[in-house]
Amino acid sequence: MATTATRRWWRRHDGGDDDPDDLVPMDTQEQEELVRSLEAKQAQQGRRWRRVFAGFLLGYVAFLVYSSFHHAWSPWELRYHAYFMEDLPAPMVIIADWIAALACLFAVKGLLQNSGPSKKWMWYSCYVGILVAIFWTYYILRYIVLVNLSFFPFPCHSNALLKY
Protein backbone atom coordinates (compact mmCIF):
# COMPACT_ATOMS: atom_id res chain seq x y z
CA MET A 1 0.00 0.00 0.00
CA ALA A 2 2.74 2.46 0.94
CA THR A 3 4.78 1.58 -2.14
CA THR A 4 1.82 2.21 -4.46
CA ALA A 5 1.14 5.56 -2.79
CA THR A 6 4.75 6.65 -3.17
CA ARG A 7 4.99 5.48 -6.79
CA ARG A 8 2.42 8.09 -7.78
CA TRP A 9 5.07 10.71 -7.13
CA TRP A 10 7.53 8.95 -9.41
CA ARG A 11 7.56 8.49 -13.17
CA ARG A 12 9.59 6.31 -15.50
CA HIS A 13 12.36 7.58 -17.73
CA ASP A 14 11.23 5.73 -20.82
CA GLY A 15 7.52 5.36 -19.94
CA GLY A 16 7.81 1.57 -19.55
CA ASP A 17 6.34 -0.46 -16.71
CA ASP A 18 8.87 -3.27 -16.33
CA ASP A 19 11.96 -1.92 -14.59
CA PRO A 20 11.45 -0.67 -11.00
CA ASP A 21 14.95 0.90 -11.01
CA ASP A 22 13.94 3.22 -13.84
CA LEU A 23 11.88 5.48 -11.53
CA VAL A 24 12.73 9.18 -11.16
CA PRO A 25 10.88 11.69 -8.97
CA MET A 26 8.28 13.94 -10.57
CA ASP A 27 9.27 17.55 -10.88
CA THR A 28 7.65 20.12 -8.61
CA GLN A 29 5.27 21.48 -11.23
CA GLU A 30 3.89 18.01 -12.03
CA GLN A 31 3.44 17.32 -8.32
CA GLU A 32 1.56 20.60 -7.84
CA GLU A 33 -0.69 19.81 -10.81
CA LEU A 34 -1.40 16.36 -9.37
CA VAL A 35 -2.20 17.86 -5.96
CA ARG A 36 -4.51 20.47 -7.54
CA SER A 37 -6.35 17.80 -9.53
CA LEU A 38 -6.76 15.63 -6.42
CA GLU A 39 -8.03 18.62 -4.42
CA ALA A 40 -10.50 19.47 -7.20
CA LYS A 41 -11.78 15.87 -7.24
CA GLN A 42 -12.13 15.91 -3.45
CA ALA A 43 -14.03 19.22 -3.53
CA GLN A 44 -16.37 17.91 -6.25
CA GLN A 45 -17.06 14.70 -4.33
CA GLY A 46 -17.60 16.69 -1.13
CA ARG A 47 -20.20 18.88 -2.87
CA ARG A 48 -21.90 15.80 -4.29
CA TRP A 49 -22.16 14.07 -0.91
CA ARG A 50 -23.38 17.24 0.79
CA ARG A 51 -26.14 17.44 -1.82
CA VAL A 52 -27.03 13.79 -1.27
CA PHE A 53 -27.34 14.27 2.50
CA ALA A 54 -29.27 17.51 1.97
CA GLY A 55 -31.68 15.53 -0.22
CA PHE A 56 -32.14 12.94 2.54
CA LEU A 57 -32.81 15.72 5.04
CA LEU A 58 -35.32 17.39 2.70
CA GLY A 59 -37.12 14.07 2.42
CA TYR A 60 -37.28 13.86 6.20
CA VAL A 61 -38.54 17.47 6.36
CA ALA A 62 -41.30 16.53 3.90
CA PHE A 63 -42.22 13.59 6.15
CA LEU A 64 -42.33 15.83 9.23
CA VAL A 65 -44.50 18.42 7.48
CA TYR A 66 -46.84 15.70 6.18
CA SER A 67 -46.96 14.16 9.65
CA SER A 68 -47.82 17.47 11.31
CA PHE A 69 -50.57 18.25 8.77
CA HIS A 70 -51.96 14.73 9.14
CA HIS A 71 -51.91 15.14 12.91
CA ALA A 72 -53.69 18.50 12.64
CA TRP A 73 -56.49 17.05 10.50
CA SER A 74 -56.97 13.82 12.40
CA PRO A 75 -55.24 13.94 15.79
CA TRP A 76 -53.79 10.82 17.33
CA GLU A 77 -54.44 8.67 14.27
CA LEU A 78 -50.75 8.13 13.58
CA ARG A 79 -49.41 5.42 15.82
CA TYR A 80 -46.13 7.15 16.71
CA HIS A 81 -48.11 10.20 17.86
CA ALA A 82 -50.86 8.22 19.58
CA TYR A 83 -48.45 6.96 22.23
CA PHE A 84 -48.45 10.46 23.72
CA MET A 85 -52.21 10.99 23.53
CA GLU A 86 -52.69 11.20 27.29
CA ASP A 87 -49.53 13.17 28.04
CA LEU A 88 -49.42 15.88 25.38
CA PRO A 89 -51.94 18.19 23.77
CA ALA A 90 -52.15 17.81 19.99
CA PRO A 91 -50.80 21.29 19.16
CA MET A 92 -47.67 20.59 21.16
CA VAL A 93 -46.90 17.56 18.99
CA ILE A 94 -47.44 19.61 15.84
CA ILE A 95 -45.16 22.37 17.09
CA ALA A 96 -42.47 19.81 17.99
CA ASP A 97 -42.65 18.38 14.46
CA TRP A 98 -42.34 21.84 12.93
CA ILE A 99 -39.37 22.70 15.14
CA ALA A 100 -37.67 19.45 14.12
CA ALA A 101 -38.34 20.33 10.47
CA LEU A 102 -36.79 23.76 11.09
CA ALA A 103 -33.69 22.11 12.56
CA CYS A 104 -33.39 19.95 9.45
CA LEU A 105 -33.76 23.01 7.21
CA PHE A 106 -30.94 24.70 9.13
CA ALA A 107 -28.78 21.64 8.46
CA VAL A 108 -29.70 21.71 4.75
CA LYS A 109 -28.72 25.36 4.52
CA GLY A 110 -25.43 24.59 6.24
CA LEU A 111 -24.76 21.66 3.90
CA LEU A 112 -25.46 23.57 0.70
CA GLN A 113 -23.47 26.71 1.53
CA ASN A 114 -19.80 26.66 0.60
CA SER A 115 -18.65 29.55 2.77
CA GLY A 116 -17.38 29.71 6.34
CA PRO A 117 -20.74 30.76 7.87
CA SER A 118 -22.20 27.42 6.79
CA LYS A 119 -20.81 25.92 9.98
CA LYS A 120 -22.92 28.26 12.09
CA TRP A 121 -26.07 26.89 10.44
CA MET A 122 -24.96 23.38 11.27
CA TRP A 123 -24.47 24.43 14.89
CA TYR A 124 -27.90 26.11 14.94
CA SER A 125 -29.36 22.86 13.65
CA CYS A 126 -27.53 20.93 16.34
CA TYR A 127 -28.80 23.19 19.14
CA VAL A 128 -32.41 23.10 17.95
CA GLY A 129 -32.17 19.33 17.39
CA ILE A 130 -30.88 18.82 20.93
CA LEU A 131 -33.85 20.76 22.32
CA VAL A 132 -36.29 18.64 20.29
CA ALA A 133 -34.47 15.46 21.35
CA ILE A 134 -34.68 16.45 25.02
CA PHE A 135 -38.39 17.21 24.62
CA TRP A 136 -39.19 13.83 23.03
CA THR A 137 -36.85 11.92 25.36
CA TYR A 138 -38.66 13.35 28.36
CA TYR A 139 -42.05 12.26 27.06
CA ILE A 140 -40.81 8.87 25.83
CA LEU A 141 -39.25 8.10 29.21
CA ARG A 142 -42.37 9.32 30.94
CA TYR A 143 -44.47 7.03 28.72
CA ILE A 144 -42.18 4.06 29.38
CA VAL A 145 -42.30 4.61 33.13
CA LEU A 146 -46.09 4.88 33.09
CA VAL A 147 -46.50 1.75 30.98
CA ASN A 148 -44.12 -0.22 33.19
CA LEU A 149 -45.84 0.98 36.34
CA SER A 150 -49.20 -0.15 35.01
CA PHE A 151 -47.85 -3.71 35.04
CA PHE A 152 -46.56 -3.32 38.58
CA PRO A 153 -47.76 -6.25 40.72
CA PHE A 154 -48.95 -4.08 43.61
CA PRO A 155 -51.89 -2.00 42.36
CA CYS A 156 -52.04 0.33 45.34
CA HIS A 157 -48.46 1.54 44.75
CA SER A 158 -48.80 1.88 40.99
CA ASN A 159 -52.00 3.91 41.25
CA ALA A 160 -50.38 6.29 43.68
CA LEU A 161 -47.42 6.79 41.38
CA LEU A 162 -49.56 7.26 38.24
CA LYS A 163 -51.00 10.47 39.65
CA TYR A 164 -47.62 12.14 39.24
C-alpha atoms as a PDB file:
ATOM      1  CA  MET A   1       0.000   0.000   0.000  1.00  0.00           C
ATOM      2  CA  ALA A   2       2.738   2.457   0.938  1.00  0.00           C
ATOM      3  CA  THR A   3       4.776   1.583  -2.140  1.00  0.00           C
ATOM      4  CA  THR A   4       1.815   2.210  -4.456  1.00  0.00           C
ATOM      5  CA  ALA A   5       1.139   5.560  -2.794  1.00  0.00           C
ATOM      6  CA  THR A   6       4.747   6.649  -3.170  1.00  0.00           C
ATOM      7  CA  ARG A   7       4.986   5.482  -6.785  1.00  0.00           C
ATOM      8  CA  ARG A   8       2.418   8.092  -7.777  1.00  0.00           C
ATOM      9  CA  TRP A   9       5.068  10.707  -7.129  1.00  0.00           C
ATOM     10  CA  TRP A  10       7.526   8.955  -9.411  1.00  0.00           C
ATOM     11  CA  ARG A  11       7.557   8.494 -13.171  1.00  0.00           C
ATOM     12  CA  ARG A  12       9.594   6.312 -15.501  1.00  0.00           C
ATOM     13  CA  HIS A  13      12.364   7.581 -17.729  1.00  0.00           C
ATOM     14  CA  ASP A  14      11.228   5.733 -20.816  1.00  0.00           C
ATOM     15  CA  GLY A  15       7.518   5.355 -19.942  1.00  0.00           C
ATOM     16  CA  GLY A  16       7.815   1.567 -19.549  1.00  0.00           C
ATOM     17  CA  ASP A  17       6.336  -0.464 -16.709  1.00  0.00           C
ATOM     18  CA  ASP A  18       8.869  -3.272 -16.329  1.00  0.00           C
ATOM     19  CA  ASP A  19      11.956  -1.924 -14.587  1.00  0.00           C
ATOM     20  CA  PRO A  20      11.451  -0.667 -11.002  1.00  0.00           C
ATOM     21  CA  ASP A  21      14.949   0.898 -11.012  1.00  0.00           C
ATOM     22  CA  ASP A  22      13.942   3.222 -13.843  1.00  0.00           C
ATOM     23  CA  LEU A  23      11.879   5.481 -11.532  1.00  0.00           C
ATOM     24  CA  VAL A  24      12.733   9.179 -11.157  1.00  0.00           C
ATOM     25  CA  PRO A  25      10.885  11.693  -8.974  1.00  0.00           C
ATOM     26  CA  MET A  26       8.280  13.944 -10.573  1.00  0.00           C
ATOM     27  CA  ASP A  27       9.270  17.548 -10.881  1.00  0.00           C
ATOM     28  CA  THR A  28       7.652  20.118  -8.613  1.00  0.00           C
ATOM     29  CA  GLN A  29       5.266  21.477 -11.230  1.00  0.00           C
ATOM     30  CA  GLU A  30       3.887  18.009 -12.027  1.00  0.00           C
ATOM     31  CA  GLN A  31       3.442  17.321  -8.324  1.00  0.00           C
ATOM     32  CA  GLU A  32       1.558  20.601  -7.844  1.00  0.00           C
ATOM     33  CA  GLU A  33      -0.687  19.808 -10.811  1.00  0.00           C
ATOM     34  CA  LEU A  34      -1.404  16.361  -9.372  1.00  0.00           C
ATOM     35  CA  VAL A  35      -2.201  17.860  -5.957  1.00  0.00           C
ATOM     36  CA  ARG A  36      -4.510  20.470  -7.542  1.00  0.00           C
ATOM     37  CA  SER A  37      -6.352  17.804  -9.532  1.00  0.00           C
ATOM     38  CA  LEU A  38      -6.764  15.631  -6.424  1.00  0.00           C
ATOM     39  CA  GLU A  39      -8.027  18.623  -4.424  1.00  0.00           C
ATOM     40  CA  ALA A  40     -10.497  19.475  -7.203  1.00  0.00           C
ATOM     41  CA  LYS A  41     -11.778  15.868  -7.236  1.00  0.00           C
ATOM     42  CA  GLN A  42     -12.133  15.907  -3.454  1.00  0.00           C
ATOM     43  CA  ALA A  43     -14.031  19.221  -3.533  1.00  0.00           C
ATOM     44  CA  GLN A  44     -16.366  17.914  -6.248  1.00  0.00           C
ATOM     45  CA  GLN A  45     -17.058  14.703  -4.326  1.00  0.00           C
ATOM     46  CA  GLY A  46     -17.604  16.688  -1.129  1.00  0.00           C
ATOM     47  CA  ARG A  47     -20.200  18.878  -2.870  1.00  0.00           C
ATOM     48  CA  ARG A  48     -21.905  15.803  -4.293  1.00  0.00           C
ATOM     49  CA  TRP A  49     -22.158  14.075  -0.905  1.00  0.00           C
ATOM     50  CA  ARG A  50     -23.376  17.241   0.792  1.00  0.00           C
ATOM     51  CA  ARG A  51     -26.144  17.441  -1.819  1.00  0.00           C
ATOM     52  CA  VAL A  52     -27.028  13.787  -1.268  1.00  0.00           C
ATOM     53  CA  PHE A  53     -27.343  14.268   2.499  1.00  0.00           C
ATOM     54  CA  ALA A  54     -29.271  17.507   1.965  1.00  0.00           C
ATOM     55  CA  GLY A  55     -31.684  15.526  -0.217  1.00  0.00           C
ATOM     56  CA  PHE A  56     -32.144  12.944   2.544  1.00  0.00           C
ATOM     57  CA  LEU A  57     -32.813  15.723   5.036  1.00  0.00           C
ATOM     58  CA  LEU A  58     -35.317  17.391   2.704  1.00  0.00           C
ATOM     59  CA  GLY A  59     -37.121  14.066   2.415  1.00  0.00           C
ATOM     60  CA  TYR A  60     -37.278  13.862   6.198  1.00  0.00           C
ATOM     61  CA  VAL A  61     -38.540  17.471   6.357  1.00  0.00           C
ATOM     62  CA  ALA A  62     -41.296  16.532   3.901  1.00  0.00           C
ATOM     63  CA  PHE A  63     -42.216  13.593   6.146  1.00  0.00           C
ATOM     64  CA  LEU A  64     -42.326  15.832   9.228  1.00  0.00           C
ATOM     65  CA  VAL A  65     -44.496  18.417   7.479  1.00  0.00           C
ATOM     66  CA  TYR A  66     -46.836  15.697   6.176  1.00  0.00           C
ATOM     67  CA  SER A  67     -46.958  14.162   9.650  1.00  0.00           C
ATOM     68  CA  SER A  68     -47.825  17.467  11.308  1.00  0.00           C
ATOM     69  CA  PHE A  69     -50.571  18.249   8.773  1.00  0.00           C
ATOM     70  CA  HIS A  70     -51.965  14.734   9.140  1.00  0.00           C
ATOM     71  CA  HIS A  71     -51.914  15.137  12.909  1.00  0.00           C
ATOM     72  CA  ALA A  72     -53.691  18.499  12.640  1.00  0.00           C
ATOM     73  CA  TRP A  73     -56.491  17.051  10.497  1.00  0.00           C
ATOM     74  CA  SER A  74     -56.974  13.816  12.403  1.00  0.00           C
ATOM     75  CA  PRO A  75     -55.241  13.941  15.791  1.00  0.00           C
ATOM     76  CA  TRP A  76     -53.792  10.820  17.328  1.00  0.00           C
ATOM     77  CA  GLU A  77     -54.439   8.674  14.271  1.00  0.00           C
ATOM     78  CA  LEU A  78     -50.754   8.126  13.577  1.00  0.00           C
ATOM     79  CA  ARG A  79     -49.413   5.420  15.824  1.00  0.00           C
ATOM     80  CA  TYR A  80     -46.134   7.146  16.710  1.00  0.00           C
ATOM     81  CA  HIS A  81     -48.105  10.197  17.861  1.00  0.00           C
ATOM     82  CA  ALA A  82     -50.855   8.220  19.584  1.00  0.00           C
ATOM     83  CA  TYR A  83     -48.454   6.956  22.235  1.00  0.00           C
ATOM     84  CA  PHE A  84     -48.454  10.455  23.715  1.00  0.00           C
ATOM     85  CA  MET A  85     -52.212  10.990  23.534  1.00  0.00           C
ATOM     86  CA  GLU A  86     -52.688  11.201  27.285  1.00  0.00           C
ATOM     87  CA  ASP A  87     -49.534  13.173  28.037  1.00  0.00           C
ATOM     88  CA  LEU A  88     -49.424  15.883  25.378  1.00  0.00           C
ATOM     89  CA  PRO A  89     -51.944  18.190  23.772  1.00  0.00           C
ATOM     90  CA  ALA A  90     -52.151  17.808  19.987  1.00  0.00           C
ATOM     91  CA  PRO A  91     -50.804  21.294  19.160  1.00  0.00           C
ATOM     92  CA  MET A  92     -47.667  20.591  21.165  1.00  0.00           C
ATOM     93  CA  VAL A  93     -46.895  17.562  18.993  1.00  0.00           C
ATOM     94  CA  ILE A  94     -47.443  19.607  15.839  1.00  0.00           C
ATOM     95  CA  ILE A  95     -45.155  22.370  17.093  1.00  0.00           C
ATOM     96  CA  ALA A  96     -42.471  19.814  17.992  1.00  0.00           C
ATOM     97  CA  ASP A  97     -42.652  18.380  14.460  1.00  0.00           C
ATOM     98  CA  TRP A  98     -42.338  21.841  12.931  1.00  0.00           C
ATOM     99  CA  ILE A  99     -39.366  22.702  15.144  1.00  0.00           C
ATOM    100  CA  ALA A 100     -37.675  19.445  14.119  1.00  0.00           C
ATOM    101  CA  ALA A 101     -38.343  20.334  10.468  1.00  0.00           C
ATOM    102  CA  LEU A 102     -36.790  23.756  11.089  1.00  0.00           C
ATOM    103  CA  ALA A 103     -33.690  22.107  12.559  1.00  0.00           C
ATOM    104  CA  CYS A 104     -33.390  19.946   9.450  1.00  0.00           C
ATOM    105  CA  LEU A 105     -33.756  23.007   7.211  1.00  0.00           C
ATOM    106  CA  PHE A 106     -30.940  24.703   9.134  1.00  0.00           C
ATOM    107  CA  ALA A 107     -28.785  21.638   8.457  1.00  0.00           C
ATOM    108  CA  VAL A 108     -29.695  21.707   4.746  1.00  0.00           C
ATOM    109  CA  LYS A 109     -28.721  25.362   4.523  1.00  0.00           C
ATOM    110  CA  GLY A 110     -25.435  24.591   6.239  1.00  0.00           C
ATOM    111  CA  LEU A 111     -24.755  21.662   3.900  1.00  0.00           C
ATOM    112  CA  LEU A 112     -25.457  23.571   0.696  1.00  0.00           C
ATOM    113  CA  GLN A 113     -23.473  26.712   1.533  1.00  0.00           C
ATOM    114  CA  ASN A 114     -19.801  26.664   0.604  1.00  0.00           C
ATOM    115  CA  SER A 115     -18.650  29.549   2.773  1.00  0.00           C
ATOM    116  CA  GLY A 116     -17.382  29.713   6.340  1.00  0.00           C
ATOM    117  CA  PRO A 117     -20.736  30.762   7.873  1.00  0.00           C
ATOM    118  CA  SER A 118     -22.200  27.417   6.793  1.00  0.00           C
ATOM    119  CA  LYS A 119     -20.814  25.915   9.984  1.00  0.00           C
ATOM    120  CA  LYS A 120     -22.919  28.255  12.090  1.00  0.00           C
ATOM    121  CA  TRP A 121     -26.075  26.890  10.436  1.00  0.00           C
ATOM    122  CA  MET A 122     -24.961  23.377  11.266  1.00  0.00           C
ATOM    123  CA  TRP A 123     -24.471  24.434  14.889  1.00  0.00           C
ATOM    124  CA  TYR A 124     -27.901  26.109  14.940  1.00  0.00           C
ATOM    125  CA  SER A 125     -29.357  22.859  13.646  1.00  0.00           C
ATOM    126  CA  CYS A 126     -27.525  20.928  16.342  1.00  0.00           C
ATOM    127  CA  TYR A 127     -28.799  23.187  19.143  1.00  0.00           C
ATOM    128  CA  VAL A 128     -32.406  23.099  17.948  1.00  0.00           C
ATOM    129  CA  GLY A 129     -32.172  19.333  17.392  1.00  0.00           C
ATOM    130  CA  ILE A 130     -30.876  18.824  20.926  1.00  0.00           C
ATOM    131  CA  LEU A 131     -33.848  20.756  22.318  1.00  0.00           C
ATOM    132  CA  VAL A 132     -36.288  18.636  20.290  1.00  0.00           C
ATOM    133  CA  ALA A 133     -34.474  15.460  21.355  1.00  0.00           C
ATOM    134  CA  ILE A 134     -34.684  16.452  25.024  1.00  0.00           C
ATOM    135  CA  PHE A 135     -38.393  17.206  24.617  1.00  0.00           C
ATOM    136  CA  TRP A 136     -39.186  13.832  23.026  1.00  0.00           C
ATOM    137  CA  THR A 137     -36.854  11.921  25.358  1.00  0.00           C
ATOM    138  CA  TYR A 138     -38.659  13.352  28.357  1.00  0.00           C
ATOM    139  CA  TYR A 139     -42.052  12.259  27.056  1.00  0.00           C
ATOM    140  CA  ILE A 140     -40.806   8.870  25.830  1.00  0.00           C
ATOM    141  CA  LEU A 141     -39.248   8.099  29.210  1.00  0.00           C
ATOM    142  CA  ARG A 142     -42.368   9.325  30.936  1.00  0.00           C
ATOM    143  CA  TYR A 143     -44.472   7.029  28.725  1.00  0.00           C
ATOM    144  CA  ILE A 144     -42.183   4.057  29.384  1.00  0.00           C
ATOM    145  CA  VAL A 145     -42.296   4.612  33.135  1.00  0.00           C
ATOM    146  CA  LEU A 146     -46.088   4.878  33.092  1.00  0.00           C
ATOM    147  CA  VAL A 147     -46.497   1.750  30.983  1.00  0.00           C
ATOM    148  CA  ASN A 148     -44.120  -0.224  33.189  1.00  0.00           C
ATOM    149  CA  LEU A 149     -45.838   0.979  36.337  1.00  0.00           C
ATOM    150  CA  SER A 150     -49.205  -0.148  35.009  1.00  0.00           C
ATOM    151  CA  PHE A 151     -47.845  -3.711  35.036  1.00  0.00           C
ATOM    152  CA  PHE A 152     -46.556  -3.317  38.582  1.00  0.00           C
ATOM    153  CA  PRO A 153     -47.764  -6.248  40.720  1.00  0.00           C
ATOM    154  CA  PHE A 154     -48.947  -4.076  43.605  1.00  0.00           C
ATOM    155  CA  PRO A 155     -51.888  -1.996  42.364  1.00  0.00           C
ATOM    156  CA  CYS A 156     -52.037   0.327  45.344  1.00  0.00           C
ATOM    157  CA  HIS A 157     -48.458   1.541  44.752  1.00  0.00           C
ATOM    158  CA  SER A 158     -48.796   1.880  40.992  1.00  0.00           C
ATOM    159  CA  ASN A 159     -52.004   3.913  41.248  1.00  0.00           C
ATOM    160  CA  ALA A 160     -50.383   6.289  43.684  1.00  0.00           C
ATOM    161  CA  LEU A 161     -47.417   6.788  41.375  1.00  0.00           C
ATOM    162  CA  LEU A 162     -49.560   7.259  38.245  1.00  0.00           C
ATOM    163  CA  LYS A 163     -50.996  10.467  39.650  1.00  0.00           C
ATOM    164  CA  TYR A 164     -47.617  12.135  39.244  1.00  0.00           C
END
